[in-house]
């Protein structure tokens, strides 16, 4: 049966396999679901790091102050 999801095959070390199995069991989910959850979390962390770097580059003494209410309109 075709799927719209992109599939990724991973080869993991025995230690990583064991860790994934323990985490999945703890959370009462499948290893695949737990792995997907961890990948999502890792991508969020990467995104946060990139946005922090961008914010630091933009933050200078000459930067214009934008009031909070104006920034979220």
C-alpha atoms as a PDB file:
ATOM      1  CA  UNK A   1       0.000   0.000   0.000  1.00  0.00           C
ATOM      2  CA  UNK A   2       1.503   3.367  -1.020  1.00  0.00           C
ATOM      3  CA  UNK A   3       2.092   6.023   1.594  1.00  0.00           C
ATOM      4  CA  UNK A   4       2.577   9.767   1.428  1.00  0.00           C
ATOM      5  CA  UNK A   5       5.158   9.649   4.214  1.00  0.00           C
ATOM      6  CA  UNK A   6       8.853   9.729   3.403  1.00  0.00           C
ATOM      7  CA  UNK A   7      10.607   6.655   4.753  1.00  0.00           C
ATOM      8  CA  UNK A   8      14.085   6.661   6.227  1.00  0.00           C
ATOM      9  CA  UNK A   9      15.987   3.458   6.977  1.00  0.00           C
ATOM     10  CA  UNK A  10      18.478   3.678   9.814  1.00  0.00           C
ATOM     11  CA  UNK A  11      21.206   1.344  10.944  1.00  0.00           C
ATOM     12  CA  UNK A  12      21.894   1.859  14.631  1.00  0.00           C
ATOM     13  CA  UNK A  13      24.378   0.464  17.075  1.00  0.00           C
ATOM     14  CA  UNK A  14      23.243  -2.155  19.598  1.00  0.00           C
ATOM     15  CA  UNK A  15      23.507   0.447  22.389  1.00  0.00           C
ATOM     16  CA  UNK A  16      21.274   2.883  20.528  1.00  0.00           C
ATOM     17  CA  UNK A  17      18.808   0.110  19.713  1.00  0.00           C
ATOM     18  CA  UNK A  18      18.596  -0.808  23.386  1.00  0.00           C
ATOM     19  CA  UNK A  19      18.102   2.829  24.407  1.00  0.00           C
ATOM     20  CA  UNK A  20      15.331   3.319  21.836  1.00  0.00           C
ATOM     21  CA  UNK A  21      13.611   0.142  22.978  1.00  0.00           C
ATOM     22  CA  UNK A  22      13.733   1.196  26.631  1.00  0.00           C
ATOM     23  CA  UNK A  23      12.394   4.664  25.870  1.00  0.00           C
ATOM     24  CA  UNK A  24       9.604   3.260  23.705  1.00  0.00           C
ATOM     25  CA  UNK A  25       8.648   0.766  26.396  1.00  0.00           C
ATOM     26  CA  UNK A  26       8.681   3.483  29.073  1.00  0.00           C
ATOM     27  CA  UNK A  27       6.401   5.676  26.960  1.00  0.00           C
ATOM     28  CA  UNK A  28       4.248   2.725  25.836  1.00  0.00           C
ATOM     29  CA  UNK A  29       4.802   3.409  22.175  1.00  0.00           C
ATOM     30  CA  UNK A  30       6.548   1.757  19.256  1.00  0.00           C
ATOM     31  CA  UNK A  31      10.261   2.161  18.621  1.00  0.00           C
ATOM     32  CA  UNK A  32       9.457   3.852  15.294  1.00  0.00           C
ATOM     33  CA  UNK A  33       7.142   6.384  16.963  1.00  0.00           C
ATOM     34  CA  UNK A  34       9.674   7.109  19.697  1.00  0.00           C
ATOM     35  CA  UNK A  35      12.435   7.552  17.126  1.00  0.00           C
ATOM     36  CA  UNK A  36      10.261   9.960  15.130  1.00  0.00           C
ATOM     37  CA  UNK A  37       9.499  11.916  18.309  1.00  0.00           C
ATOM     38  CA  UNK A  38      13.214  12.190  19.109  1.00  0.00           C
ATOM     39  CA  UNK A  39      14.013  13.334  15.552  1.00  0.00           C
ATOM     40  CA  UNK A  40      11.338  16.043  15.823  1.00  0.00           C
ATOM     41  CA  UNK A  41      12.814  17.206  19.132  1.00  0.00           C
ATOM     42  CA  UNK A  42      16.311  17.297  17.640  1.00  0.00           C
ATOM     43  CA  UNK A  43      15.074  19.379  14.694  1.00  0.00           C
ATOM     44  CA  UNK A  44      13.430  21.857  17.088  1.00  0.00           C
ATOM     45  CA  UNK A  45      16.718  22.186  18.979  1.00  0.00           C
ATOM     46  CA  UNK A  46      18.580  22.796  15.705  1.00  0.00           C
ATOM     47  CA  UNK A  47      16.003  25.417  14.689  1.00  0.00           C
ATOM     48  CA  UNK A  48      16.358  27.163  18.054  1.00  0.00           C
ATOM     49  CA  UNK A  49      20.143  27.271  17.648  1.00  0.00           C
ATOM     50  CA  UNK A  50      19.861  28.814  14.172  1.00  0.00           C
ATOM     51  CA  UNK A  51      17.330  31.409  15.338  1.00  0.00           C
ATOM     52  CA  UNK A  52      19.533  32.286  18.328  1.00  0.00           C
ATOM     53  CA  UNK A  53      22.509  32.802  16.018  1.00  0.00           C
ATOM     54  CA  UNK A  54      20.403  35.025  13.755  1.00  0.00           C
ATOM     55  CA  UNK A  55      19.139  37.047  16.716  1.00  0.00           C
ATOM     56  CA  UNK A  56      22.677  37.566  18.015  1.00  0.00           C
ATOM     57  CA  UNK A  57      23.815  38.772  14.596  1.00  0.00           C
ATOM     58  CA  UNK A  58      20.963  41.280  14.458  1.00  0.00           C
ATOM     59  CA  UNK A  59      21.451  42.493  18.026  1.00  0.00           C
ATOM     60  CA  UNK A  60      23.685  45.559  17.930  1.00  0.00           C
ATOM     61  CA  UNK A  61      23.781  48.898  19.699  1.00  0.00           C
ATOM     62  CA  UNK A  62      22.384  50.484  16.522  1.00  0.00           C
ATOM     63  CA  UNK A  63      19.385  48.135  16.418  1.00  0.00           C
ATOM     64  CA  UNK A  64      16.042  49.901  16.481  1.00  0.00           C
ATOM     65  CA  UNK A  65      13.810  49.193  19.469  1.00  0.00           C
ATOM     66  CA  UNK A  66      10.478  47.653  18.521  1.00  0.00           C
ATOM     67  CA  UNK A  67       7.820  47.576  21.252  1.00  0.00           C
ATOM     68  CA  UNK A  68       6.417  44.133  22.019  1.00  0.00           C
ATOM     69  CA  UNK A  69       2.889  45.017  20.870  1.00  0.00           C
ATOM     70  CA  UNK A  70       4.195  46.290  17.517  1.00  0.00           C
ATOM     71  CA  UNK A  71       6.307  43.193  16.954  1.00  0.00           C
ATOM     72  CA  UNK A  72       3.321  40.833  17.201  1.00  0.00           C
ATOM     73  CA  UNK A  73       0.778  42.703  15.072  1.00  0.00           C
END
